Structures are given as structure tokens and as C-alpha cells.
């Protein structure tokens, strides 16, 4: 069982909002929701990826708050499959954001879930030092991720995946029922 870090366990969006001094853009009224909201710093704020990520050093990644349901997710998944079959799987961002990201993400994981192994992947590289998440897909492996593209690639490679509901994906409307849906998903597939 692979649990995504940013967006599932660590609240990357809240960290970005705080680091950039901006309010949340997400709401039905604003029209900022669903898959088109995935790159909200570029599409809503008009920032370049370099401007968005250049302020995200090791301490940024290490100090991200937990998501509202992080502890419930870890406990629920471990309860279904056993704690020894759970790992955190997180992608390293592109070149600008990569400075300090690996160390900061590992710091975060060691502080909050030291019992879980961590797999670092490189999603945006032509030369992989570590493979993207979908390279880990095979029969019996499940990915929980808020990134729809990661989930699709995982499915296409032979694994199972659940899109964790968030404002920036197609499951945004069921965020209030996410933990119950995860439980049902695990009862069926884990």
C-alpha cells in the first residue's frame, strides 16, 4: 500500500498558501475546483513554476502541516493491510523545487510517521535516479494519491489506485466522505 505524501498526508496546498501569503482560491463560487485547478499557482495566481517553487526550501517541506485526515488514513490503511505493508511514496518536484525537497520530505516523514518506509520518486525527469510512481505498480499494489495523472499511470501499469478527494481533482465534491470511501475501497480491494 502506497500513500502519497503531498495532498494526502502533508498539506502542501496550505503550505504554499502560507509561504506565498495568499488566501485559498478554492470554492464552488470562485469556480476554482476540479482538475483545472491542479496548477492553481500558475492558472489562478499567474505565477511561473519557478516563482511558485523557488521559495520552497528544506524547511518548507519539513514543516508542512498534516492534512486533516492524515492520522486516520494511516491508521485505517494499516488496519486493513498491516502496518508492515504500508509505505509513503512521494514524488520529488521539478528542478527548481527539488533543492531541499528530498531532505525536507524525509524530515517530515521521520517526524510524523517514523515507522513507515519512504519511497522517493522523480516524476518530472528524463533521467530517473528513482522511477516514477507507476513503475511500482503491479498486481496487489494500491496507490492512494490526490494526483489524477499519477493514479491513471498507476492503473495503466497494472496497479490499483484511489484518487484521494481534493479541490484540485475530479473527486472534489466528495471530500467530506473521503475517509469512509477509503474504508469501502480497502474492504473491496485490500
Protein backbone atom coordinates (compact mmCIF):
# COMPACT_ATOMS: atom_id res chain seq x y z
CA UNK A 1 0.00 0.00 0.00
CA UNK A 2 1.49 3.30 -1.12
CA UNK A 3 0.32 6.57 0.42
CA UNK A 4 1.13 9.79 -1.38
CA UNK A 5 2.66 12.44 0.86
CA UNK A 6 1.75 15.86 -0.59
CA UNK A 7 -2.02 16.32 -0.57
CA UNK A 8 -2.84 13.06 1.22
CA UNK A 9 -0.71 13.16 4.39
CA UNK A 10 1.07 16.54 4.23
CA UNK A 11 -0.93 19.67 3.40
CA UNK A 12 1.18 21.05 0.56
CA UNK A 13 -1.52 23.49 -0.55
CA UNK A 14 -1.80 25.06 2.91
CA UNK A 15 1.98 25.34 3.00
CA UNK A 16 2.02 27.09 -0.38
CA UNK A 17 -0.77 29.46 0.66
CA UNK A 18 1.11 30.41 3.84
CA UNK A 19 4.50 30.70 2.12
CA UNK A 20 3.06 33.00 -0.56
CA UNK A 21 0.75 34.92 1.80
CA UNK A 22 -2.39 34.11 -0.18
CA UNK A 23 -5.90 33.01 0.77
CA UNK A 24 -7.29 29.75 -0.53
CA UNK A 25 -8.65 30.19 -4.05
CA UNK A 26 -10.77 27.02 -3.88
CA UNK A 27 -14.55 27.23 -3.80
CA UNK A 28 -17.54 26.45 -5.96
CA UNK A 29 -18.36 30.17 -6.09
CA UNK A 30 -14.93 31.10 -7.42
CA UNK A 31 -15.02 28.31 -9.99
CA UNK A 32 -11.61 27.14 -8.79
CA UNK A 33 -12.11 23.41 -8.33
CA UNK A 34 -11.68 20.18 -10.24
CA UNK A 35 -8.81 19.05 -12.46
CA UNK A 36 -8.35 22.52 -13.98
CA UNK A 37 -7.32 23.75 -10.51
CA UNK A 38 -4.33 21.35 -10.26
CA UNK A 39 -1.76 24.03 -11.16
CA UNK A 40 -3.55 26.83 -9.32
CA UNK A 41 -0.41 28.94 -8.68
CA UNK A 42 0.00 29.25 -12.44
CA UNK A 43 -3.66 29.30 -13.51
CA UNK A 44 -5.09 31.42 -10.67
CA UNK A 45 -2.15 33.42 -9.32
CA UNK A 46 -0.41 33.82 -12.68
CA UNK A 47 2.93 32.70 -11.24
CA UNK A 48 5.57 30.80 -13.12
CA UNK A 49 6.56 27.42 -11.71
CA UNK A 50 9.93 28.95 -10.76
CA UNK A 51 8.21 31.71 -8.76
CA UNK A 52 5.95 29.20 -7.05
CA UNK A 53 8.62 26.69 -6.04
CA UNK A 54 11.77 28.76 -5.57
CA UNK A 55 10.71 29.70 -2.03
CA UNK A 56 10.21 26.06 -1.04
CA UNK A 57 13.42 25.06 0.72
CA UNK A 58 14.09 22.12 3.02
CA UNK A 59 12.34 23.77 5.97
CA UNK A 60 9.24 24.39 3.85
CA UNK A 61 8.86 20.68 3.09
CA UNK A 62 9.80 19.59 6.61
CA UNK A 63 7.33 21.94 8.29
CA UNK A 64 4.23 21.30 6.18
CA UNK A 65 1.16 20.69 8.35
CA UNK A 66 -0.57 17.33 8.30
CA UNK A 67 -3.77 17.10 6.31
CA UNK A 68 -6.98 16.94 8.30
CA UNK A 69 -7.27 13.16 7.90
CA UNK A 70 -3.60 12.08 7.79
CA UNK A 71 -3.62 10.08 11.02
CA UNK A 72 -6.98 8.48 10.17
CA UNK A 73 -5.68 7.47 6.74
CA UNK A 74 -2.53 5.83 8.11
CA UNK A 75 -4.46 4.02 10.87
CA UNK A 76 -7.20 2.86 8.51
CA UNK A 77 -4.79 1.57 5.87
CA UNK A 78 -2.58 -0.15 8.46
CA UNK A 79 -5.68 -1.72 9.96
CA UNK A 80 -6.67 -3.19 6.61
CA UNK A 81 -3.31 -4.40 5.31
CA UNK A 82 -1.00 -4.38 8.33
CA UNK A 83 1.49 -1.64 9.17
CA UNK A 84 4.38 -3.56 7.58
CA UNK A 85 2.66 -3.34 4.17
CA UNK A 86 2.31 0.48 4.15
CA UNK A 87 4.82 2.96 2.71
CA UNK A 88 4.81 6.65 1.93
CA UNK A 89 5.50 7.25 -1.76
CA UNK A 90 6.29 10.84 -2.73
CA UNK A 91 7.47 12.48 -5.91
CA UNK A 92 10.33 14.91 -5.95
CA UNK A 93 9.31 18.11 -7.72
CA UNK A 94 10.95 19.58 -10.80
CA UNK A 95 14.45 21.07 -10.78
CA UNK A 96 13.65 24.44 -9.21
CA UNK A 97 11.68 22.92 -6.35
CA UNK A 98 13.99 19.98 -5.84
CA UNK A 99 16.56 21.89 -3.79
CA UNK A 100 15.95 20.61 -0.29
CA UNK A 101 12.76 18.75 -1.18
CA UNK A 102 14.12 15.24 -0.65
CA UNK A 103 15.67 16.06 2.72
CA UNK A 104 12.67 18.11 3.81
CA UNK A 105 10.18 15.39 2.85
CA UNK A 106 12.26 12.77 4.65
CA UNK A 107 12.42 15.05 7.73
CA UNK A 108 8.62 15.37 7.63
CA UNK A 109 8.10 11.61 7.36
CA UNK A 110 10.58 10.83 10.16
CA UNK A 111 8.86 13.32 12.46
CA UNK A 112 5.27 12.25 11.78
CA UNK A 113 5.43 8.58 10.71
CA UNK A 114 8.88 7.21 11.58
CA UNK A 115 7.56 3.64 11.40
CA UNK A 116 6.71 3.91 7.69
CA UNK A 117 9.28 3.42 4.93
CA UNK A 118 9.54 6.25 2.40
CA UNK A 119 9.92 5.86 -1.36
CA UNK A 120 11.08 8.98 -3.21
CA UNK A 121 10.21 9.08 -6.90
CA UNK A 122 11.14 11.50 -9.68
CA UNK A 123 8.03 12.23 -11.73
CA UNK A 124 9.42 15.02 -13.90
CA UNK A 125 12.78 13.82 -15.10
CA UNK A 126 14.12 12.43 -18.34
CA UNK A 127 16.84 10.61 -16.42
CA UNK A 128 15.42 8.87 -13.37
CA UNK A 129 17.54 8.46 -10.28
CA UNK A 130 14.40 6.87 -8.90
CA UNK A 131 11.48 5.76 -11.05
CA UNK A 132 8.10 7.49 -11.20
CA UNK A 133 5.31 6.04 -9.08
CA UNK A 134 3.76 3.96 -11.84
CA UNK A 135 6.97 1.89 -12.07
CA UNK A 136 5.93 0.45 -8.68
CA UNK A 137 2.54 -0.70 -9.96
CA UNK A 138 1.74 -4.38 -10.16
CA UNK A 139 -0.96 -6.79 -9.06
CA UNK A 140 -1.71 -6.32 -5.37
CA UNK A 141 -0.18 -2.84 -5.02
CA UNK A 142 -2.54 0.06 -4.25
CA UNK A 143 -1.73 3.77 -4.51
CA UNK A 144 -3.72 6.45 -2.68
CA UNK A 145 -2.93 9.79 -4.37
CA UNK A 146 -4.59 13.16 -4.97
CA UNK A 147 -2.95 13.48 -8.40
CA UNK A 148 -5.22 12.01 -11.07
CA UNK A 149 -2.40 11.65 -13.57
CA UNK A 150 -0.42 9.55 -11.09
CA UNK A 151 -3.46 7.34 -10.48
CA UNK A 152 -4.13 6.89 -14.22
CA UNK A 153 -0.50 5.96 -14.88
CA UNK A 154 -0.62 3.51 -11.96
CA UNK A 155 -3.81 1.88 -13.32
CA UNK A 156 -2.32 1.68 -16.80
CA UNK A 157 0.78 -0.03 -15.39
CA UNK A 158 -1.28 -2.74 -13.67
CA UNK A 159 -1.81 -1.42 -10.15
CA UNK A 160 -4.90 -0.24 -8.28
CA UNK A 161 -5.30 3.38 -7.26
CA UNK A 162 -7.77 5.60 -5.45
CA UNK A 163 -7.90 9.30 -6.21
CA UNK A 164 -7.93 11.00 -2.81
CA UNK A 165 -10.65 13.71 -3.00
CA UNK A 166 -9.32 17.27 -3.12
CA UNK A 167 -10.36 20.62 -4.54
CA UNK A 168 -7.91 20.13 -7.43
CA UNK A 169 -9.22 16.83 -8.82
CA UNK A 170 -12.43 15.35 -10.20
CA UNK A 171 -13.41 13.96 -6.78
CA UNK A 172 -13.55 17.43 -5.14
CA UNK A 173 -17.29 17.16 -4.34
CA UNK A 174 -16.87 14.11 -2.07
CA UNK A 175 -14.12 15.46 0.18
CA UNK A 176 -16.38 15.21 3.24
CA UNK A 177 -16.77 11.47 2.72
CA UNK A 178 -13.18 10.64 1.80
CA UNK A 179 -12.26 8.52 4.83
CA UNK A 180 -15.44 6.44 4.54
CA UNK A 181 -14.82 5.97 0.83
CA UNK A 182 -11.25 4.88 1.55
CA UNK A 183 -12.55 2.34 4.04
CA UNK A 184 -15.03 0.97 1.47
CA UNK A 185 -12.33 0.88 -1.21
CA UNK A 186 -9.98 -1.05 1.06
CA UNK A 187 -12.72 -3.50 2.04
CA UNK A 188 -13.16 -4.30 -1.65
CA UNK A 189 -9.57 -4.33 -2.85
CA UNK A 190 -7.07 -4.67 0.01
